[in-house]
Amino acid sequence: MKYTYLLINVLTIFFPVVLSFDKRVAFHKSWKFIWPGMAVTGLLFLFWDVLFTVHGVWSFNDKYITGIKFFELPVEEILFFLTVPFACIFIYACLNHYIKWSIGNDVARSIAGIIALACAFILMGHFDKLYTAVTFSLLGLVLLALLFVLKANWLARFFMAFVVSLIPFYIVNGLLTSIPVVLYNNDQNLGIRVGTIPFEDHFYSMALLLMNIAFFEYFKSKRTATL
């Protein structure tokens, strides 16, 4: 039905919004730290999204979208860059509240460095594939900036949240790619799938969440410093 993608967006954000008012985590009090980063990150990713759509990296099945479009993008795809980051930052905040253990900052920095190095190797071998090239160059640059410029001290908590976020990731992206709502052109990616989900989607999501949480932590720490 034409509301399929819209319904997936609504279900993605429904429980995080409702549970935001839980008295223990009180995530609703942190909403003001989320919006600026979501706006900046969303605009960047929507730029790539338009580029990908125009160049046939992916397309959208008209049977499962409302037909309302802006710059060639279905309105549901635009909402995706709001609902998914919001839900994942909610997971991040909940884990920070309830779980005090982490893998440690040194281990997290090592993992980030290994992923950045892997991004460089994949990019060198597949720079001619648009989705692959953009995904791994963007993720590599974000990780390097966090490691050596911003010296982020929250990467251990991010990686823990990212692993947990893979559960809803596989549900949401699994639906989008198996129905299918989103159709991928394998000439522009590695052609490797986890179930029906392109391999690149995992790392595109990681870059999206890293940027959102970086802004979230920045605005939260800036607010704390002024108190």
C-alpha atoms as a PDB file:
ATOM      1  CA  MET A   1       0.000   0.000   0.000  1.00  0.00           C
ATOM      2  CA  LYS A   2       1.080   3.596  -0.573  1.00  0.00           C
ATOM      3  CA  TYR A   3       1.532   4.298   3.136  1.00  0.00           C
ATOM      4  CA  THR A   4       4.025   1.483   3.747  1.00  0.00           C
ATOM      5  CA  TYR A   5       7.166   3.636   3.978  1.00  0.00           C
ATOM      6  CA  LEU A   6       5.319   6.266   6.012  1.00  0.00           C
ATOM      7  CA  LEU A   7       4.106   3.579   8.423  1.00  0.00           C
ATOM      8  CA  ILE A   8       7.651   2.233   8.820  1.00  0.00           C
ATOM      9  CA  ASN A   9       8.791   5.756   9.770  1.00  0.00           C
ATOM     10  CA  VAL A  10       5.978   6.133  12.310  1.00  0.00           C
ATOM     11  CA  LEU A  11       6.704   2.761  13.936  1.00  0.00           C
ATOM     12  CA  THR A  12      10.433   3.562  14.040  1.00  0.00           C
ATOM     13  CA  ILE A  13       9.862   6.638  16.159  1.00  0.00           C
ATOM     14  CA  PHE A  14       6.730   5.644  18.087  1.00  0.00           C
ATOM     15  CA  PHE A  15       8.295   3.842  21.064  1.00  0.00           C
ATOM     16  CA  PRO A  16      11.285   6.211  21.436  1.00  0.00           C
ATOM     17  CA  VAL A  17       8.895   9.183  21.612  1.00  0.00           C
ATOM     18  CA  VAL A  18       6.526   7.511  24.091  1.00  0.00           C
ATOM     19  CA  LEU A  19       9.351   6.197  26.284  1.00  0.00           C
ATOM     20  CA  SER A  20      11.117   9.576  26.214  1.00  0.00           C
ATOM     21  CA  PHE A  21       8.914  10.607  29.122  1.00  0.00           C
ATOM     22  CA  ASP A  22      10.058   7.767  31.368  1.00  0.00           C
ATOM     23  CA  LYS A  23      11.132   9.415  34.636  1.00  0.00           C
ATOM     24  CA  ARG A  24      14.406   7.507  34.938  1.00  0.00           C
ATOM     25  CA  VAL A  25      16.015   8.410  31.606  1.00  0.00           C
ATOM     26  CA  ALA A  26      13.840  11.508  30.970  1.00  0.00           C
ATOM     27  CA  PHE A  27      15.026  11.594  27.373  1.00  0.00           C
ATOM     28  CA  HIS A  28      12.566  14.368  26.512  1.00  0.00           C
ATOM     29  CA  LYS A  29      14.785  16.775  28.454  1.00  0.00           C
ATOM     30  CA  SER A  30      17.556  16.093  25.927  1.00  0.00           C
ATOM     31  CA  TRP A  31      15.464  16.763  22.830  1.00  0.00           C
ATOM     32  CA  LYS A  32      16.816  20.305  22.570  1.00  0.00           C
ATOM     33  CA  PHE A  33      20.331  18.898  22.095  1.00  0.00           C
ATOM     34  CA  ILE A  34      19.216  16.653  19.224  1.00  0.00           C
ATOM     35  CA  TRP A  35      17.540  19.017  16.760  1.00  0.00           C
ATOM     36  CA  PRO A  36      20.552  21.150  15.691  1.00  0.00           C
ATOM     37  CA  GLY A  37      22.666  18.108  14.849  1.00  0.00           C
ATOM     38  CA  MET A  38      19.789  16.375  13.103  1.00  0.00           C
ATOM     39  CA  ALA A  39      19.270  19.472  10.951  1.00  0.00           C
ATOM     40  CA  VAL A  40      22.930  19.767   9.895  1.00  0.00           C
ATOM     41  CA  THR A  41      23.473  16.033   9.407  1.00  0.00           C
ATOM     42  CA  GLY A  42      20.114  15.591   7.714  1.00  0.00           C
ATOM     43  CA  LEU A  43      20.875  18.279   5.134  1.00  0.00           C
ATOM     44  CA  LEU A  44      24.224  16.651   4.291  1.00  0.00           C
ATOM     45  CA  PHE A  45      22.731  13.189   3.906  1.00  0.00           C
ATOM     46  CA  LEU A  46      19.757  14.494   1.950  1.00  0.00           C
ATOM     47  CA  PHE A  47      22.220  16.078  -0.487  1.00  0.00           C
ATOM     48  CA  TRP A  48      23.772  12.659  -1.057  1.00  0.00           C
ATOM     49  CA  ASP A  49      20.325  11.114  -1.202  1.00  0.00           C
ATOM     50  CA  VAL A  50      19.247  13.413  -4.025  1.00  0.00           C
ATOM     51  CA  LEU A  51      22.538  12.719  -5.826  1.00  0.00           C
ATOM     52  CA  PHE A  52      22.088   8.964  -5.426  1.00  0.00           C
ATOM     53  CA  THR A  53      18.499   9.097  -6.655  1.00  0.00           C
ATOM     54  CA  VAL A  54      19.335  11.211  -9.701  1.00  0.00           C
ATOM     55  CA  HIS A  55      22.273   8.949 -10.642  1.00  0.00           C
ATOM     56  CA  GLY A  56      20.322   5.738 -10.130  1.00  0.00           C
ATOM     57  CA  VAL A  57      22.156   4.421  -7.077  1.00  0.00           C
ATOM     58  CA  TRP A  58      18.719   3.604  -5.718  1.00  0.00           C
ATOM     59  CA  SER A  59      15.092   4.286  -6.525  1.00  0.00           C
ATOM     60  CA  PHE A  60      11.758   4.088  -4.732  1.00  0.00           C
ATOM     61  CA  ASN A  61       8.876   1.746  -5.449  1.00  0.00           C
ATOM     62  CA  ASP A  62       5.849   3.896  -6.252  1.00  0.00           C
ATOM     63  CA  LYS A  63       3.522   1.216  -4.871  1.00  0.00           C
ATOM     64  CA  TYR A  64       4.723   1.859  -1.306  1.00  0.00           C
ATOM     65  CA  ILE A  65       5.113   5.645  -1.102  1.00  0.00           C
ATOM     66  CA  THR A  66       2.520   8.433  -0.976  1.00  0.00           C
ATOM     67  CA  GLY A  67       3.912  10.125  -4.088  1.00  0.00           C
ATOM     68  CA  ILE A  68       4.723  13.423  -2.353  1.00  0.00           C
ATOM     69  CA  LYS A  69       8.255  14.371  -3.398  1.00  0.00           C
ATOM     70  CA  PHE A  70      10.773  17.170  -2.855  1.00  0.00           C
ATOM     71  CA  PHE A  71      13.850  17.343  -5.112  1.00  0.00           C
ATOM     72  CA  GLU A  72      13.074  13.844  -6.418  1.00  0.00           C
ATOM     73  CA  LEU A  73      12.906  12.405  -2.883  1.00  0.00           C
ATOM     74  CA  PRO A  74       9.743  10.922  -1.388  1.00  0.00           C
ATOM     75  CA  VAL A  75       8.705  12.753   1.771  1.00  0.00           C
ATOM     76  CA  GLU A  76       9.100   9.422   3.598  1.00  0.00           C
ATOM     77  CA  GLU A  77      12.786   9.313   2.695  1.00  0.00           C
ATOM     78  CA  ILE A  78      13.256  12.805   4.151  1.00  0.00           C
ATOM     79  CA  LEU A  79      11.493  11.700   7.346  1.00  0.00           C
ATOM     80  CA  PHE A  80      13.827   8.687   7.509  1.00  0.00           C
ATOM     81  CA  PHE A  81      16.738  11.005   8.328  1.00  0.00           C
ATOM     82  CA  LEU A  82      14.785  12.302  11.319  1.00  0.00           C
ATOM     83  CA  THR A  83      13.127   9.168  12.670  1.00  0.00           C
ATOM     84  CA  VAL A  84      16.131   6.832  12.524  1.00  0.00           C
ATOM     85  CA  PRO A  85      18.678   9.181  14.180  1.00  0.00           C
ATOM     86  CA  PHE A  86      16.130  10.097  16.869  1.00  0.00           C
ATOM     87  CA  ALA A  87      15.488   6.428  17.673  1.00  0.00           C
ATOM     88  CA  CYS A  88      19.202   5.602  17.755  1.00  0.00           C
ATOM     89  CA  ILE A  89      20.120   8.567  19.978  1.00  0.00           C
ATOM     90  CA  PHE A  90      17.350   7.358  22.290  1.00  0.00           C
ATOM     91  CA  ILE A  91      19.056   3.939  22.428  1.00  0.00           C
ATOM     92  CA  TYR A  92      22.386   5.671  23.087  1.00  0.00           C
ATOM     93  CA  ALA A  93      20.928   7.729  25.957  1.00  0.00           C
ATOM     94  CA  CYS A  94      19.213   4.718  27.537  1.00  0.00           C
ATOM     95  CA  LEU A  95      22.374   2.618  27.448  1.00  0.00           C
ATOM     96  CA  ASN A  96      24.344   5.488  28.977  1.00  0.00           C
ATOM     97  CA  HIS A  97      21.854   5.619  31.827  1.00  0.00           C
ATOM     98  CA  TYR A  98      21.444   1.919  32.536  1.00  0.00           C
ATOM     99  CA  ILE A  99      24.814   0.396  31.581  1.00  0.00           C
ATOM    100  CA  LYS A 100      27.956   1.773  33.184  1.00  0.00           C
ATOM    101  CA  TRP A 101      30.349  -0.787  31.674  1.00  0.00           C
ATOM    102  CA  SER A 102      32.067  -0.003  28.375  1.00  0.00           C
ATOM    103  CA  ILE A 103      34.817  -1.443  26.202  1.00  0.00           C
ATOM    104  CA  GLY A 104      37.125   1.431  27.205  1.00  0.00           C
ATOM    105  CA  ASN A 105      38.218   4.483  25.267  1.00  0.00           C
ATOM    106  CA  ASP A 106      41.530   2.999  24.070  1.00  0.00           C
ATOM    107  CA  VAL A 107      39.810  -0.064  22.647  1.00  0.00           C
ATOM    108  CA  ALA A 108      37.153   2.125  21.032  1.00  0.00           C
ATOM    109  CA  ARG A 109      39.787   4.342  19.429  1.00  0.00           C
ATOM    110  CA  SER A 110      41.546   1.249  18.090  1.00  0.00           C
ATOM    111  CA  ILE A 111      38.288  -0.039  16.608  1.00  0.00           C
ATOM    112  CA  ALA A 112      37.622   3.359  15.037  1.00  0.00           C
ATOM    113  CA  GLY A 113      41.140   3.396  13.555  1.00  0.00           C
ATOM    114  CA  ILE A 114      40.746  -0.109  12.112  1.00  0.00           C
ATOM    115  CA  ILE A 115      37.395   0.813  10.532  1.00  0.00           C
ATOM    116  CA  ALA A 116      38.898   3.999   9.062  1.00  0.00           C
ATOM    117  CA  LEU A 117      41.787   1.968   7.594  1.00  0.00           C
ATOM    118  CA  ALA A 118      39.345  -0.588   6.171  1.00  0.00           C
ATOM    119  CA  CYS A 119      37.392   2.277   4.610  1.00  0.00           C
ATOM    120  CA  ALA A 120      40.539   3.446   2.820  1.00  0.00           C
ATOM    121  CA  PHE A 121      41.271  -0.033   1.428  1.00  0.00           C
ATOM    122  CA  ILE A 122      37.687  -0.541   0.225  1.00  0.00           C
ATOM    123  CA  LEU A 123      37.659   2.928  -1.322  1.00  0.00           C
ATOM    124  CA  MET A 124      40.894   2.272  -3.253  1.00  0.00           C
ATOM    125  CA  GLY A 125      39.461  -0.861  -4.796  1.00  0.00           C
ATOM    126  CA  HIS A 126      35.948   0.384  -5.540  1.00  0.00           C
ATOM    127  CA  PHE A 127      36.094   4.159  -6.075  1.00  0.00           C
ATOM    128  CA  ASP A 128      34.132   3.707  -9.326  1.00  0.00           C
ATOM    129  CA  LYS A 129      30.987   2.611  -7.441  1.00  0.00           C
ATOM    130  CA  LEU A 130      29.179   5.734  -6.261  1.00  0.00           C
ATOM    131  CA  TYR A 131      27.411   4.338  -3.177  1.00  0.00           C
ATOM    132  CA  THR A 132      30.525   2.461  -2.038  1.00  0.00           C
ATOM    133  CA  ALA A 133      32.839   5.417  -2.645  1.00  0.00           C
ATOM    134  CA  VAL A 134      30.689   7.984  -0.847  1.00  0.00           C
ATOM    135  CA  THR A 135      29.844   5.709   2.080  1.00  0.00           C
ATOM    136  CA  PHE A 136      33.377   4.662   2.929  1.00  0.00           C
ATOM    137  CA  SER A 137      35.035   8.015   2.203  1.00  0.00           C
ATOM    138  CA  LEU A 138      32.465   9.810   4.385  1.00  0.00           C
ATOM    139  CA  LEU A 139      32.738   7.310   7.241  1.00  0.00           C
ATOM    140  CA  GLY A 140      36.531   7.330   7.086  1.00  0.00           C
ATOM    141  CA  LEU A 141      36.676  11.129   7.225  1.00  0.00           C
ATOM    142  CA  VAL A 142      34.192  11.293  10.111  1.00  0.00           C
ATOM    143  CA  LEU A 143      36.182   8.743  12.122  1.00  0.00           C
ATOM    144  CA  LEU A 144      39.484  10.513  11.483  1.00  0.00           C
ATOM    145  CA  ALA A 145      37.969  13.834  12.539  1.00  0.00           C
ATOM    146  CA  LEU A 146      36.629  12.309  15.760  1.00  0.00           C
ATOM    147  CA  LEU A 147      39.922  10.585  16.532  1.00  0.00           C
ATOM    148  CA  PHE A 148      42.461  13.295  15.747  1.00  0.00           C
ATOM    149  CA  VAL A 149      40.635  16.620  15.607  1.00  0.00           C
ATOM    150  CA  LEU A 150      37.787  16.404  18.101  1.00  0.00           C
ATOM    151  CA  LYS A 151      39.403  13.624  20.192  1.00  0.00           C
ATOM    152  CA  ALA A 152      35.961  12.284  21.081  1.00  0.00           C
ATOM    153  CA  ASN A 153      35.823  10.518  24.453  1.00  0.00           C
ATOM    154  CA  TRP A 154      32.425   8.879  23.877  1.00  0.00           C
ATOM    155  CA  LEU A 155      33.325   6.392  21.140  1.00  0.00           C
ATOM    156  CA  ALA A 156      33.189   3.424  23.529  1.00  0.00           C
ATOM    157  CA  ARG A 157      29.587   4.266  24.360  1.00  0.00           C
ATOM    158  CA  PHE A 158      28.807   4.864  20.688  1.00  0.00           C
ATOM    159  CA  PHE A 159      30.019   1.448  19.559  1.00  0.00           C
ATOM    160  CA  MET A 160      27.969  -0.250  22.264  1.00  0.00           C
ATOM    161  CA  ALA A 161      24.874   1.689  21.156  1.00  0.00           C
ATOM    162  CA  PHE A 162      25.594   0.988  17.492  1.00  0.00           C
ATOM    163  CA  VAL A 163      25.679  -2.772  18.101  1.00  0.00           C
ATOM    164  CA  VAL A 164      22.313  -2.566  19.903  1.00  0.00           C
ATOM    165  CA  SER A 165      20.903  -0.320  17.153  1.00  0.00           C
ATOM    166  CA  LEU A 166      21.602  -3.077  14.625  1.00  0.00           C
ATOM    167  CA  ILE A 167      18.505  -4.857  15.948  1.00  0.00           C
ATOM    168  CA  PRO A 168      16.053  -2.153  14.754  1.00  0.00           C
ATOM    169  CA  PHE A 169      18.363  -1.526  11.772  1.00  0.00           C
ATOM    170  CA  TYR A 170      17.839  -5.067  10.497  1.00  0.00           C
ATOM    171  CA  ILE A 171      14.099  -4.798  11.065  1.00  0.00           C
ATOM    172  CA  VAL A 172      13.640  -1.410   9.366  1.00  0.00           C
ATOM    173  CA  ASN A 173      16.145  -1.860   6.530  1.00  0.00           C
ATOM    174  CA  GLY A 174      15.066  -5.452   6.138  1.00  0.00           C
ATOM    175  CA  LEU A 175      11.514  -4.293   5.476  1.00  0.00           C
ATOM    176  CA  LEU A 176      12.598  -1.503   3.134  1.00  0.00           C
ATOM    177  CA  THR A 177      14.756  -3.815   1.028  1.00  0.00           C
ATOM    178  CA  SER A 178      12.663  -6.995   1.094  1.00  0.00           C
ATOM    179  CA  ILE A 179       9.209  -5.556   0.321  1.00  0.00           C
ATOM    180  CA  PRO A 180      10.948  -3.748  -1.530  1.00  0.00           C
ATOM    181  CA  VAL A 181      10.326  -0.061  -0.873  1.00  0.00           C
ATOM    182  CA  VAL A 182      13.879   0.938  -1.857  1.00  0.00           C
ATOM    183  CA  LEU A 183      15.488  -0.613  -4.947  1.00  0.00           C
ATOM    184  CA  TYR A 184      19.294  -0.661  -5.191  1.00  0.00           C
ATOM    185  CA  ASN A 185      21.399  -0.627  -8.343  1.00  0.00           C
ATOM    186  CA  ASN A 186      24.137  -3.217  -7.763  1.00  0.00           C
ATOM    187  CA  ASP A 187      26.352  -1.530 -10.352  1.00  0.00           C
ATOM    188  CA  GLN A 188      26.862   1.255  -7.786  1.00  0.00           C
ATOM    189  CA  ASN A 189      27.617  -0.933  -4.746  1.00  0.00           C
ATOM    190  CA  LEU A 190      29.670  -4.008  -3.876  1.00  0.00           C
ATOM    191  CA  GLY A 191      26.783  -6.351  -4.611  1.00  0.00           C
ATOM    192  CA  ILE A 192      27.156  -7.941  -1.166  1.00  0.00           C
ATOM    193  CA  ARG A 193      23.941  -8.363   0.802  1.00  0.00           C
ATOM    194  CA  VAL A 194      23.214  -9.284   4.411  1.00  0.00           C
ATOM    195  CA  GLY A 195      19.868 -10.882   3.772  1.00  0.00           C
ATOM    196  CA  THR A 196      18.364  -8.243   1.474  1.00  0.00           C
ATOM    197  CA  ILE A 197      20.351  -5.317   2.941  1.00  0.00           C
ATOM    198  CA  PRO A 198      23.341  -3.965   0.971  1.00  0.00           C
ATOM    199  CA  PHE A 199      26.653  -4.214   2.839  1.00  0.00           C
ATOM    200  CA  GLU A 200      27.181  -0.449   2.503  1.00  0.00           C
ATOM    201  CA  ASP A 201      23.973   0.331   4.401  1.00  0.00           C
ATOM    202  CA  HIS A 202      25.621  -0.723   7.686  1.00  0.00           C
ATOM    203  CA  PHE A 203      28.391   1.835   7.284  1.00  0.00           C
ATOM    204  CA  TYR A 204      26.190   4.548   5.811  1.00  0.00           C
ATOM    205  CA  SER A 205      24.126   4.164   8.984  1.00  0.00           C
ATOM    206  CA  MET A 206      27.269   4.284  11.145  1.00  0.00           C
ATOM    207  CA  ALA A 207      28.353   7.573   9.549  1.00  0.00           C
ATOM    208  CA  LEU A 208      24.854   9.017   9.983  1.00  0.00           C
ATOM    209  CA  LEU A 209      24.706   8.060  13.661  1.00  0.00           C
ATOM    210  CA  LEU A 210      28.286   9.152  14.415  1.00  0.00           C
ATOM    211  CA  MET A 211      27.580  12.638  13.115  1.00  0.00           C
ATOM    212  CA  ASN A 212      24.270  12.923  14.963  1.00  0.00           C
ATOM    213  CA  ILE A 213      25.739  11.753  18.264  1.00  0.00           C
ATOM    214  CA  ALA A 214      28.785  14.002  17.817  1.00  0.00           C
ATOM    215  CA  PHE A 215      26.473  17.017  17.567  1.00  0.00           C
ATOM    216  CA  PHE A 216      24.322  15.686  20.417  1.00  0.00           C
ATOM    217  CA  GLU A 217      27.364  15.377  22.700  1.00  0.00           C
ATOM    218  CA  TYR A 218      28.678  18.771  21.624  1.00  0.00           C
ATOM    219  CA  PHE A 219      25.474  20.677  22.365  1.00  0.00           C
ATOM    220  CA  LYS A 220      24.913  18.746  25.592  1.00  0.00           C
ATOM    221  CA  SER A 221      28.438  19.477  26.854  1.00  0.00           C
ATOM    222  CA  LYS A 222      28.139  23.131  25.803  1.00  0.00           C
ATOM    223  CA  ARG A 223      24.947  23.429  27.842  1.00  0.00           C
ATOM    224  CA  THR A 224      26.574  21.730  30.854  1.00  0.00           C
ATOM    225  CA  ALA A 225      29.569  24.082  30.673  1.00  0.00           C
ATOM    226  CA  THR A 226      27.321  27.126  30.950  1.00  0.00           C
ATOM    227  CA  LEU A 227      25.548  25.874  34.102  1.00  0.00           C
END
